[in-house]
Amino acid sequence: MHILSVQSQVVFGHVGNSATSFPLQCLGHEVWSVPTAILSNHAGYPDFGGQTMPPATVSDLLHGLDRRGVFSKCDLMISGYLGNTELAALVTETVGRIRATNPNLIYCCDPVMGDDGSGLYVDAALPQHFRDTALPVADITTPNLFELAVLCGLDAGALKAASVGDIVAAGRTLLAHMRPGATVMVTSADHRDLDLTRVAVIAISDSEAWCVDTPRIVFPSEPHGAGDLLSALFAAAMAEHRSPARALEDSVATVFAVLSETHRQAADELELVAARDAIVSPEQQFTARSVG
C-alpha cells in the first residue's frame, strides 16, 4: 500500500511522521512523509529547536510529489499535527487533488488539537475548520476524548469518565459530518466503567461500535507518540481490511507491543527499532468486544 503522511517530524525521538513511518514500512507499506513541522524533539522537553513549516514549503513538497505522478498510486492519506488553518486547508485541498485521479483514496484525519492536560495547543480556529471542512472529506478520524468533545461542540473535558454509550453517541455525531461509511476511532477512551488498571480504545461506525482494552503500562515519564502511531496503524488496517474490529485489534496489539518494549528498556521515547519484530508479529493479542 502507498501512504502519504502529512504531520510533524522530529530529529530525536518518535512523534508524528517519526513515530509512524518506520512501523508502517515494517508492515510492508511505502510511506511518503511530508513534514508540517521539523523539530529537534517534541515539545514535552524543556526546549526544542526547529520550526513549523511555512505553508508555501509544504505546498511545494506536495506539488513536487504530484509532478512525480504518485498521487494516482496513493491508497491512504493521513494527516496529523497541522497547527493552523492554512496548513489544514492545504491538506484538504490535497485530498481533493488526489481523489481527482484516484477516487478510491482513503483519508484519515487525526485532529491533533490538544488534551486534558494541556488544553488546546493549536490555532483556536482549527476546531471549526476540522468540523466544517476536513471531516466532510474524511473516511476515518481518530480524536482523543478531549478532541472528540471539542469537535462535538461540548465543553473541553466533558467526556472525561463518560459512559461508553456517551462516547459512542459523540462519535456518531462526528460521523454525521463525514463521508458515507466513515469510522471514528477514539484513543484514550477511558470510560466510567473501565478498571483504572486498563486503557481503552473505541471504534465507531454508523451500525456498530467496538472496544479493545489493555493493561495500563505505567511509565515514570509517559512517552510521546503512541497516539500518532495508533492512528496510523488503525488507518492502514482499515484501508486494507475495511473491518473496524480487526483494525482495532491489530493496531492496539502493535502499539501495546511497542509500549511494552519501551517500558522494558525504561526508555523515555518509543523503542520502535527494538520492537521491530513485535511490530510485525505482536506476541499478545486483544479481542474487540461489541459496545453498540
C-alpha atoms as a PDB file:
ATOM      1  CA  MET A   1       0.000   0.000   0.000  1.00  0.00           C
ATOM      2  CA  HIS A   2       1.159   3.571  -0.744  1.00  0.00           C
ATOM      3  CA  ILE A   3       0.626   6.043   2.106  1.00  0.00           C
ATOM      4  CA  LEU A   4       1.003   9.833   2.159  1.00  0.00           C
ATOM      5  CA  SER A   5       1.574  11.068   5.714  1.00  0.00           C
ATOM      6  CA  VAL A   6       1.393  14.805   6.407  1.00  0.00           C
ATOM      7  CA  GLN A   7       2.287  15.645  10.008  1.00  0.00           C
ATOM      8  CA  SER A   8       5.067  16.846  12.288  1.00  0.00           C
ATOM      9  CA  GLN A   9       8.533  15.314  12.359  1.00  0.00           C
ATOM     10  CA  VAL A  10      11.317  15.234  14.962  1.00  0.00           C
ATOM     11  CA  VAL A  11      15.033  14.513  14.712  1.00  0.00           C
ATOM     12  CA  PHE A  12      15.273  12.922  18.166  1.00  0.00           C
ATOM     13  CA  GLY A  13      12.534  10.651  19.463  1.00  0.00           C
ATOM     14  CA  HIS A  14       9.347   9.438  17.835  1.00  0.00           C
ATOM     15  CA  VAL A  15       6.240  11.572  17.289  1.00  0.00           C
ATOM     16  CA  GLY A  16       4.300  12.382  14.123  1.00  0.00           C
ATOM     17  CA  ASN A  17       5.994  11.056  10.989  1.00  0.00           C
ATOM     18  CA  SER A  18       8.933   9.953  13.144  1.00  0.00           C
ATOM     19  CA  ALA A  19       6.576   7.629  15.039  1.00  0.00           C
ATOM     20  CA  THR A  20       4.631   6.270  12.076  1.00  0.00           C
ATOM     21  CA  SER A  21       6.888   5.896   9.027  1.00  0.00           C
ATOM     22  CA  PHE A  22       9.152   3.105  10.283  1.00  0.00           C
ATOM     23  CA  PRO A  23       6.358   0.894  11.694  1.00  0.00           C
ATOM     24  CA  LEU A  24       4.303   1.300   8.519  1.00  0.00           C
ATOM     25  CA  GLN A  25       7.362   0.390   6.447  1.00  0.00           C
ATOM     26  CA  CYS A  26       7.978  -2.652   8.668  1.00  0.00           C
ATOM     27  CA  LEU A  27       4.448  -3.749   7.748  1.00  0.00           C
ATOM     28  CA  GLY A  28       5.300  -3.520   4.059  1.00  0.00           C
ATOM     29  CA  HIS A  29       3.874  -0.117   3.150  1.00  0.00           C
ATOM     30  CA  GLU A  30       5.524   2.576   1.039  1.00  0.00           C
ATOM     31  CA  VAL A  31       5.357   5.842   3.012  1.00  0.00           C
ATOM     32  CA  TRP A  32       5.763   9.383   1.671  1.00  0.00           C
ATOM     33  CA  SER A  33       6.362  11.611   4.710  1.00  0.00           C
ATOM     34  CA  VAL A  34       5.661  15.333   4.366  1.00  0.00           C
ATOM     35  CA  PRO A  35       6.542  17.401   7.474  1.00  0.00           C
ATOM     36  CA  THR A  36       4.285  20.148   8.829  1.00  0.00           C
ATOM     37  CA  ALA A  37       6.940  20.976  11.434  1.00  0.00           C
ATOM     38  CA  ILE A  38      10.567  19.920  11.819  1.00  0.00           C
ATOM     39  CA  LEU A  39      11.756  19.991  15.423  1.00  0.00           C
ATOM     40  CA  SER A  40      14.799  18.676  17.257  1.00  0.00           C
ATOM     41  CA  ASN A  41      12.484  16.907  19.706  1.00  0.00           C
ATOM     42  CA  HIS A  42       8.868  17.016  20.853  1.00  0.00           C
ATOM     43  CA  ALA A  43       7.575  19.895  22.952  1.00  0.00           C
ATOM     44  CA  GLY A  44       7.418  17.808  26.119  1.00  0.00           C
ATOM     45  CA  TYR A  45      11.067  18.634  26.760  1.00  0.00           C
ATOM     46  CA  PRO A  46      12.125  21.944  28.390  1.00  0.00           C
ATOM     47  CA  ASP A  47      13.154  23.295  24.968  1.00  0.00           C
ATOM     48  CA  PHE A  48      13.386  22.371  21.304  1.00  0.00           C
ATOM     49  CA  GLY A  49      14.891  23.654  18.072  1.00  0.00           C
ATOM     50  CA  GLY A  50      13.262  23.905  14.682  1.00  0.00           C
ATOM     51  CA  GLN A  51      10.038  25.396  13.441  1.00  0.00           C
ATOM     52  CA  THR A  52       6.615  24.898  11.949  1.00  0.00           C
ATOM     53  CA  MET A  53       6.946  24.597   8.189  1.00  0.00           C
ATOM     54  CA  PRO A  54       5.744  27.575   6.119  1.00  0.00           C
ATOM     55  CA  PRO A  55       2.579  26.572   4.222  1.00  0.00           C
ATOM     56  CA  ALA A  56       4.295  27.546   0.952  1.00  0.00           C
ATOM     57  CA  THR A  57       7.044  24.981   1.617  1.00  0.00           C
ATOM     58  CA  VAL A  58       4.575  22.206   2.437  1.00  0.00           C
ATOM     59  CA  SER A  59       2.616  23.119  -0.691  1.00  0.00           C
ATOM     60  CA  ASP A  60       5.806  22.958  -2.760  1.00  0.00           C
ATOM     61  CA  LEU A  61       6.603  19.484  -1.385  1.00  0.00           C
ATOM     62  CA  LEU A  62       3.106  18.215  -2.190  1.00  0.00           C
ATOM     63  CA  HIS A  63       3.147  19.696  -5.693  1.00  0.00           C
ATOM     64  CA  GLY A  64       6.550  18.099  -6.238  1.00  0.00           C
ATOM     65  CA  LEU A  65       5.049  14.711  -5.357  1.00  0.00           C
ATOM     66  CA  ASP A  66       2.170  15.401  -7.710  1.00  0.00           C
ATOM     67  CA  ARG A  67       4.628  16.065 -10.549  1.00  0.00           C
ATOM     68  CA  ARG A  68       6.160  12.637  -9.944  1.00  0.00           C
ATOM     69  CA  GLY A  69       2.751  11.139 -10.734  1.00  0.00           C
ATOM     70  CA  VAL A  70       2.433   9.362  -7.387  1.00  0.00           C
ATOM     71  CA  PHE A  71      -0.983  10.686  -6.375  1.00  0.00           C
ATOM     72  CA  SER A  72      -2.700   8.188  -8.662  1.00  0.00           C
ATOM     73  CA  LYS A  73      -0.981   5.408  -6.662  1.00  0.00           C
ATOM     74  CA  CYS A  74      -1.857   6.798  -3.226  1.00  0.00           C
ATOM     75  CA  ASP A  75      -4.106   4.370  -1.322  1.00  0.00           C
ATOM     76  CA  LEU A  76      -4.187   6.154   2.044  1.00  0.00           C
ATOM     77  CA  MET A  77      -3.540   9.715   3.181  1.00  0.00           C
ATOM     78  CA  ILE A  78      -3.007  10.512   6.851  1.00  0.00           C
ATOM     79  CA  SER A  79      -2.842  13.978   8.384  1.00  0.00           C
ATOM     80  CA  GLY A  80      -1.722  14.642  11.946  1.00  0.00           C
ATOM     81  CA  TYR A  81      -0.426  17.798  13.616  1.00  0.00           C
ATOM     82  CA  LEU A  82      -1.188  20.813  11.412  1.00  0.00           C
ATOM     83  CA  GLY A  83      -1.271  23.651  13.936  1.00  0.00           C
ATOM     84  CA  ASN A  84      -3.059  26.273  11.866  1.00  0.00           C
ATOM     85  CA  THR A  85      -5.857  26.631   9.342  1.00  0.00           C
ATOM     86  CA  GLU A  86      -3.525  27.445   6.437  1.00  0.00           C
ATOM     87  CA  LEU A  87      -1.848  24.054   6.622  1.00  0.00           C
ATOM     88  CA  ALA A  88      -5.183  22.377   7.297  1.00  0.00           C
ATOM     89  CA  ALA A  89      -6.711  23.963   4.188  1.00  0.00           C
ATOM     90  CA  LEU A  90      -3.735  22.785   2.158  1.00  0.00           C
ATOM     91  CA  VAL A  91      -4.275  19.216   3.352  1.00  0.00           C
ATOM     92  CA  THR A  92      -7.971  19.321   2.455  1.00  0.00           C
ATOM     93  CA  GLU A  93      -7.097  20.697  -0.982  1.00  0.00           C
ATOM     94  CA  THR A  94      -4.596  17.844  -1.458  1.00  0.00           C
ATOM     95  CA  VAL A  95      -7.240  15.241  -0.594  1.00  0.00           C
ATOM     96  CA  GLY A  96      -9.385  16.647  -3.406  1.00  0.00           C
ATOM     97  CA  ARG A  97      -6.450  16.707  -5.815  1.00  0.00           C
ATOM     98  CA  ILE A  98      -5.608  13.056  -5.122  1.00  0.00           C
ATOM     99  CA  ARG A  99      -9.237  11.948  -5.402  1.00  0.00           C
ATOM    100  CA  ALA A 100      -9.442  13.614  -8.817  1.00  0.00           C
ATOM    101  CA  THR A 101      -7.019  10.952 -10.073  1.00  0.00           C
ATOM    102  CA  ASN A 102      -7.810   8.214  -7.542  1.00  0.00           C
ATOM    103  CA  PRO A 103     -11.392   8.305  -6.213  1.00  0.00           C
ATOM    104  CA  ASN A 104     -10.669   5.260  -4.012  1.00  0.00           C
ATOM    105  CA  LEU A 105      -8.300   7.201  -1.744  1.00  0.00           C
ATOM    106  CA  ILE A 106      -8.922   6.645   1.988  1.00  0.00           C
ATOM    107  CA  TYR A 107      -8.289   9.796   4.049  1.00  0.00           C
ATOM    108  CA  CYS A 108      -7.633   9.622   7.792  1.00  0.00           C
ATOM    109  CA  CYS A 109      -7.803  12.928   9.654  1.00  0.00           C
ATOM    110  CA  ASP A 110      -6.154  12.771  13.075  1.00  0.00           C
ATOM    111  CA  PRO A 111      -7.472  16.068  14.514  1.00  0.00           C
ATOM    112  CA  VAL A 112      -4.468  16.842  16.707  1.00  0.00           C
ATOM    113  CA  MET A 113      -5.534  19.811  18.831  1.00  0.00           C
ATOM    114  CA  GLY A 114      -4.891  19.156  22.499  1.00  0.00           C
ATOM    115  CA  ASP A 115      -5.648  17.005  25.518  1.00  0.00           C
ATOM    116  CA  ASP A 116      -6.952  17.227  29.057  1.00  0.00           C
ATOM    117  CA  GLY A 117      -3.522  18.038  30.471  1.00  0.00           C
ATOM    118  CA  SER A 118      -2.540  20.904  28.183  1.00  0.00           C
ATOM    119  CA  GLY A 119      -5.851  22.036  26.731  1.00  0.00           C
ATOM    120  CA  LEU A 120      -5.953  23.391  23.175  1.00  0.00           C
ATOM    121  CA  TYR A 121      -2.436  23.928  21.752  1.00  0.00           C
ATOM    122  CA  VAL A 122      -3.268  24.890  18.155  1.00  0.00           C
ATOM    123  CA  ASP A 123      -4.836  27.856  16.357  1.00  0.00           C
ATOM    124  CA  ALA A 124      -8.218  28.498  18.018  1.00  0.00           C
ATOM    125  CA  ALA A 125      -9.865  28.478  14.565  1.00  0.00           C
ATOM    126  CA  LEU A 126      -8.686  24.946  13.792  1.00  0.00           C
ATOM    127  CA  PRO A 127     -11.536  23.009  15.509  1.00  0.00           C
ATOM    128  CA  GLN A 128     -14.072  24.820  13.320  1.00  0.00           C
ATOM    129  CA  HIS A 129     -12.023  24.017  10.222  1.00  0.00           C
ATOM    130  CA  PHE A 130     -11.963  20.343  11.145  1.00  0.00           C
ATOM    131  CA  ARG A 131     -15.751  20.325  11.683  1.00  0.00           C
ATOM    132  CA  ASP A 132     -16.690  22.267   8.549  1.00  0.00           C
ATOM    133  CA  THR A 133     -14.006  21.335   6.019  1.00  0.00           C
ATOM    134  CA  ALA A 134     -11.786  18.370   6.955  1.00  0.00           C
ATOM    135  CA  LEU A 135     -14.304  15.895   8.397  1.00  0.00           C
ATOM    136  CA  PRO A 136     -16.665  16.128   5.395  1.00  0.00           C
ATOM    137  CA  VAL A 137     -13.896  14.699   3.173  1.00  0.00           C
ATOM    138  CA  ALA A 138     -12.584  12.182   5.744  1.00  0.00           C
ATOM    139  CA  ASP A 139     -13.185   8.432   5.839  1.00  0.00           C
ATOM    140  CA  ILE A 140     -11.537   7.994   9.252  1.00  0.00           C
ATOM    141  CA  THR A 141     -10.939  10.343  12.161  1.00  0.00           C
ATOM    142  CA  THR A 142      -9.019   9.484  15.318  1.00  0.00           C
ATOM    143  CA  PRO A 143      -9.599  12.025  18.113  1.00  0.00           C
ATOM    144  CA  ASN A 144      -8.776  11.544  21.762  1.00  0.00           C
ATOM    145  CA  LEU A 145     -11.561  12.195  24.278  1.00  0.00           C
ATOM    146  CA  PHE A 146     -10.644  15.875  24.646  1.00  0.00           C
ATOM    147  CA  GLU A 147     -10.648  16.384  20.864  1.00  0.00           C
ATOM    148  CA  LEU A 148     -13.877  14.433  20.458  1.00  0.00           C
ATOM    149  CA  ALA A 149     -15.634  16.737  22.931  1.00  0.00           C
ATOM    150  CA  VAL A 150     -14.276  19.871  21.203  1.00  0.00           C
ATOM    151  CA  LEU A 151     -15.334  18.628  17.753  1.00  0.00           C
ATOM    152  CA  CYS A 152     -18.822  17.854  19.062  1.00  0.00           C
ATOM    153  CA  GLY A 153     -19.173  21.382  20.439  1.00  0.00           C
ATOM    154  CA  LEU A 154     -19.076  20.181  24.058  1.00  0.00           C
ATOM    155  CA  ASP A 155     -17.106  21.726  26.886  1.00  0.00           C
ATOM    156  CA  ALA A 156     -13.487  20.592  26.863  1.00  0.00           C
ATOM    157  CA  GLY A 157     -13.206  17.592  29.163  1.00  0.00           C
ATOM    158  CA  ALA A 158     -16.964  16.921  29.030  1.00  0.00           C
ATOM    159  CA  LEU A 159     -16.367  13.278  28.054  1.00  0.00           C
ATOM    160  CA  LYS A 160     -13.792  12.560  30.734  1.00  0.00           C
ATOM    161  CA  ALA A 161     -15.038   9.465  32.596  1.00  0.00           C
ATOM    162  CA  ALA A 162     -18.171   9.394  30.416  1.00  0.00           C
ATOM    163  CA  SER A 163     -20.053   6.166  29.781  1.00  0.00           C
ATOM    164  CA  VAL A 164     -19.287   4.013  26.760  1.00  0.00           C
ATOM    165  CA  GLY A 165     -22.705   4.958  25.400  1.00  0.00           C
ATOM    166  CA  ASP A 166     -21.912   8.673  25.672  1.00  0.00           C
ATOM    167  CA  ILE A 167     -18.616   8.196  23.818  1.00  0.00           C
ATOM    168  CA  VAL A 168     -20.281   6.163  21.074  1.00  0.00           C
ATOM    169  CA  ALA A 169     -23.034   8.781  20.722  1.00  0.00           C
ATOM    170  CA  ALA A 170     -20.435  11.559  20.438  1.00  0.00           C
ATOM    171  CA  GLY A 171     -18.569   9.550  17.808  1.00  0.00           C
ATOM    172  CA  ARG A 172     -21.754   9.181  15.782  1.00  0.00           C
ATOM    173  CA  THR A 173     -22.251  12.943  15.983  1.00  0.00           C
ATOM    174  CA  LEU A 174     -18.971  13.253  14.063  1.00  0.00           C
ATOM    175  CA  LEU A 175     -19.984  10.529  11.605  1.00  0.00           C
ATOM    176  CA  ALA A 176     -22.916  12.706  10.532  1.00  0.00           C
ATOM    177  CA  HIS A 177     -20.358  15.217   9.160  1.00  0.00           C
ATOM    178  CA  MET A 178     -18.140  12.634   7.420  1.00  0.00           C
ATOM    179  CA  ARG A 179     -18.207  10.628   4.210  1.00  0.00           C
ATOM    180  CA  PRO A 180     -20.603   7.665   3.888  1.00  0.00           C
ATOM    181  CA  GLY A 181     -19.223   4.555   5.579  1.00  0.00           C
ATOM    182  CA  ALA A 182     -16.808   6.557   7.739  1.00  0.00           C
ATOM    183  CA  THR A 183     -15.272   5.371  11.018  1.00  0.00           C
ATOM    184  CA  VAL A 184     -14.342   7.235  14.202  1.00  0.00           C
ATOM    185  CA  MET A 185     -11.612   5.726  16.383  1.00  0.00           C
ATOM    186  CA  VAL A 186     -11.365   7.288  19.853  1.00  0.00           C
ATOM    187  CA  THR A 187      -7.994   6.959  21.563  1.00  0.00           C
ATOM    188  CA  SER A 188      -7.515   7.080  25.341  1.00  0.00           C
ATOM    189  CA  ALA A 189     -11.234   6.320  25.692  1.00  0.00           C
ATOM    190  CA  ASP A 190     -11.209   5.772  29.431  1.00  0.00           C
ATOM    191  CA  HIS A 191     -14.904   5.386  30.241  1.00  0.00           C
ATOM    192  CA  ARG A 192     -16.518   5.310  33.672  1.00  0.00           C
ATOM    193  CA  ASP A 193     -16.872   1.505  33.779  1.00  0.00           C
ATOM    194  CA  LEU A 194     -13.225   0.847  32.940  1.00  0.00           C
ATOM    195  CA  ASP A 195     -10.932  -0.533  35.618  1.00  0.00           C
ATOM    196  CA  LEU A 196      -8.228   2.020  36.454  1.00  0.00           C
ATOM    197  CA  THR A 197      -5.558  -0.577  35.656  1.00  0.00           C
ATOM    198  CA  ARG A 198      -6.651  -0.673  31.997  1.00  0.00           C
ATOM    199  CA  VAL A 199      -6.885   1.674  28.998  1.00  0.00           C
ATOM    200  CA  ALA A 200      -9.434   1.540  26.180  1.00  0.00           C
ATOM    201  CA  VAL A 201      -9.804   2.412  22.505  1.00  0.00           C
ATOM    202  CA  ILE A 202     -13.197   2.535  20.750  1.00  0.00           C
ATOM    203  CA  ALA A 203     -14.007   2.307  17.025  1.00  0.00           C
ATOM    204  CA  ILE A 204     -17.428   3.566  15.894  1.00  0.00           C
ATOM    205  CA  SER A 205     -19.329   3.265  12.628  1.00  0.00           C
ATOM    206  CA  ASP A 206     -22.971   4.007  11.794  1.00  0.00           C
ATOM    207  CA  SER A 207     -24.032   0.449  12.559  1.00  0.00           C
ATOM    208  CA  GLU A 208     -21.564  -0.865  15.134  1.00  0.00           C
ATOM    209  CA  ALA A 209     -19.062   0.068  17.809  1.00  0.00           C
ATOM    210  CA  TRP A 210     -16.152  -1.935  19.179  1.00  0.00           C
ATOM    211  CA  CYS A 211     -13.903  -1.559  22.208  1.00  0.00           C
ATOM    212  CA  VAL A 212     -10.495  -3.018  22.977  1.00  0.00           C
ATOM    213  CA  ASP A 213      -8.934  -2.544  26.391  1.00  0.00           C
ATOM    214  CA  THR A 214      -5.448  -3.486  27.527  1.00  0.00           C
ATOM    215  CA  PRO A 215      -3.446  -3.371  30.749  1.00  0.00           C
ATOM    216  CA  ARG A 216      -2.281   0.138  31.570  1.00  0.00           C
ATOM    217  CA  ILE A 217       1.514   0.371  31.370  1.00  0.00           C
ATOM    218  CA  VAL A 218       2.738   2.906  33.912  1.00  0.00           C
ATOM    219  CA  PHE A 219       5.804   4.972  32.987  1.00  0.00           C
ATOM    220  CA  PRO A 220       7.791   7.376  35.194  1.00  0.00           C
ATOM    221  CA  SER A 221       7.662   9.692  32.160  1.00  0.00           C
ATOM    222  CA  GLU A 222       4.953   8.903  29.594  1.00  0.00           C
ATOM    223  CA  PRO A 223       6.494   8.504  26.110  1.00  0.00           C
ATOM    224  CA  HIS A 224       5.006  10.717  23.396  1.00  0.00           C
ATOM    225  CA  GLY A 225       3.862   9.483  20.001  1.00  0.00           C
ATOM    226  CA  ALA A 226       1.774   6.432  20.902  1.00  0.00           C
ATOM    227  CA  GLY A 227      -1.416   8.169  19.754  1.00  0.00           C
ATOM    228  CA  ASP A 228       0.169   9.105  16.416  1.00  0.00           C
ATOM    229  CA  LEU A 229       1.298   5.513  15.962  1.00  0.00           C
ATOM    230  CA  LEU A 230      -2.100   4.061  16.858  1.00  0.00           C
ATOM    231  CA  SER A 231      -3.927   6.377  14.449  1.00  0.00           C
ATOM    232  CA  ALA A 232      -1.642   5.476  11.538  1.00  0.00           C
ATOM    233  CA  LEU A 233      -1.780   1.736  12.199  1.00  0.00           C
ATOM    234  CA  PHE A 234      -5.563   1.792  12.549  1.00  0.00           C
ATOM    235  CA  ALA A 235      -5.962   3.758   9.312  1.00  0.00           C
ATOM    236  CA  ALA A 236      -3.648   1.382   7.428  1.00  0.00           C
ATOM    237  CA  ALA A 237      -5.502  -1.661   8.750  1.00  0.00           C
ATOM    238  CA  MET A 238      -8.855  -0.118   7.805  1.00  0.00           C
ATOM    239  CA  ALA A 239      -7.606   0.629   4.296  1.00  0.00           C
ATOM    240  CA  GLU A 240      -6.511  -2.998   3.970  1.00  0.00           C
ATOM    241  CA  HIS A 241      -9.377  -4.877   5.629  1.00  0.00           C
ATOM    242  CA  ARG A 242     -12.312  -2.435   5.977  1.00  0.00           C
ATOM    243  CA  SER A 243     -13.163  -4.060   9.324  1.00  0.00           C
ATOM    244  CA  PRO A 244     -13.198  -1.734  12.373  1.00  0.00           C
ATOM    245  CA  ALA A 245     -12.995  -4.658  14.821  1.00  0.00           C
ATOM    246  CA  ARG A 246      -9.990  -6.227  13.110  1.00  0.00           C
ATOM    247  CA  ALA A 247      -8.280  -2.877  12.572  1.00  0.00           C
ATOM    248  CA  LEU A 248      -8.714  -2.103  16.269  1.00  0.00           C
ATOM    249  CA  GLU A 249      -7.324  -5.477  17.356  1.00  0.00           C
ATOM    250  CA  ASP A 250      -4.319  -5.299  15.013  1.00  0.00           C
ATOM    251  CA  SER A 251      -3.346  -1.701  15.770  1.00  0.00           C
ATOM    252  CA  VAL A 252      -3.798  -1.963  19.540  1.00  0.00           C
ATOM    253  CA  ALA A 253      -1.726  -5.165  19.680  1.00  0.00           C
ATOM    254  CA  THR A 254       1.156  -3.469  17.866  1.00  0.00           C
ATOM    255  CA  VAL A 255       1.085  -0.322  19.998  1.00  0.00           C
ATOM    256  CA  PHE A 256       0.916  -2.418  23.188  1.00  0.00           C
ATOM    257  CA  ALA A 257       3.976  -4.374  21.985  1.00  0.00           C
ATOM    258  CA  VAL A 258       5.902  -1.136  21.344  1.00  0.00           C
ATOM    259  CA  LEU A 259       4.930   0.298  24.732  1.00  0.00           C
ATOM    260  CA  SER A 260       5.873  -2.971  26.454  1.00  0.00           C
ATOM    261  CA  GLU A 261       9.348  -2.886  24.888  1.00  0.00           C
ATOM    262  CA  THR A 262       9.695   0.796  25.791  1.00  0.00           C
ATOM    263  CA  HIS A 263       8.783   0.003  29.403  1.00  0.00           C
ATOM    264  CA  ARG A 264      11.158  -2.979  29.498  1.00  0.00           C
ATOM    265  CA  GLN A 265      14.034  -0.731  28.468  1.00  0.00           C
ATOM    266  CA  ALA A 266      12.965   2.056  30.852  1.00  0.00           C
ATOM    267  CA  ALA A 267      13.114   4.443  27.903  1.00  0.00           C
ATOM    268  CA  ASP A 268      11.623   7.939  27.641  1.00  0.00           C
ATOM    269  CA  GLU A 269      10.995   7.611  23.873  1.00  0.00           C
ATOM    270  CA  LEU A 270       9.179   4.859  21.976  1.00  0.00           C
ATOM    271  CA  GLU A 271      11.571   1.972  21.300  1.00  0.00           C
ATOM    272  CA  LEU A 272      10.481   1.397  17.702  1.00  0.00           C
ATOM    273  CA  VAL A 273      13.685  -0.179  16.419  1.00  0.00           C
ATOM    274  CA  ALA A 274      13.997  -2.571  19.343  1.00  0.00           C
ATOM    275  CA  ALA A 275      10.332  -3.544  18.847  1.00  0.00           C
ATOM    276  CA  ARG A 276      10.638  -4.054  15.065  1.00  0.00           C
ATOM    277  CA  ASP A 277       9.884  -7.797  15.211  1.00  0.00           C
ATOM    278  CA  ALA A 278       6.945  -7.223  17.557  1.00  0.00           C
ATOM    279  CA  ILE A 279       5.560  -4.553  15.214  1.00  0.00           C
ATOM    280  CA  VAL A 280       5.165  -7.225  12.551  1.00  0.00           C
ATOM    281  CA  SER A 281       4.125 -10.060  14.885  1.00  0.00           C
ATOM    282  CA  PRO A 282       2.900  -8.855  18.298  1.00  0.00           C
ATOM    283  CA  GLU A 283       3.077 -11.558  20.952  1.00  0.00           C
ATOM    284  CA  GLN A 284      -0.106 -10.517  22.745  1.00  0.00           C
ATOM    285  CA  GLN A 285      -3.493 -10.117  21.053  1.00  0.00           C
ATOM    286  CA  PHE A 286      -6.614  -8.405  22.379  1.00  0.00           C
ATOM    287  CA  THR A 287     -10.202  -9.155  21.358  1.00  0.00           C
ATOM    288  CA  ALA A 288     -12.584  -6.389  20.348  1.00  0.00           C
ATOM    289  CA  ARG A 289     -15.985  -6.532  22.033  1.00  0.00           C
ATOM    290  CA  SER A 290     -19.168  -5.005  20.712  1.00  0.00           C
ATOM    291  CA  VAL A 291     -20.336  -1.907  22.634  1.00  0.00           C
ATOM    292  CA  GLY A 292     -23.041  -0.603  20.306  1.00  0.00           C
END
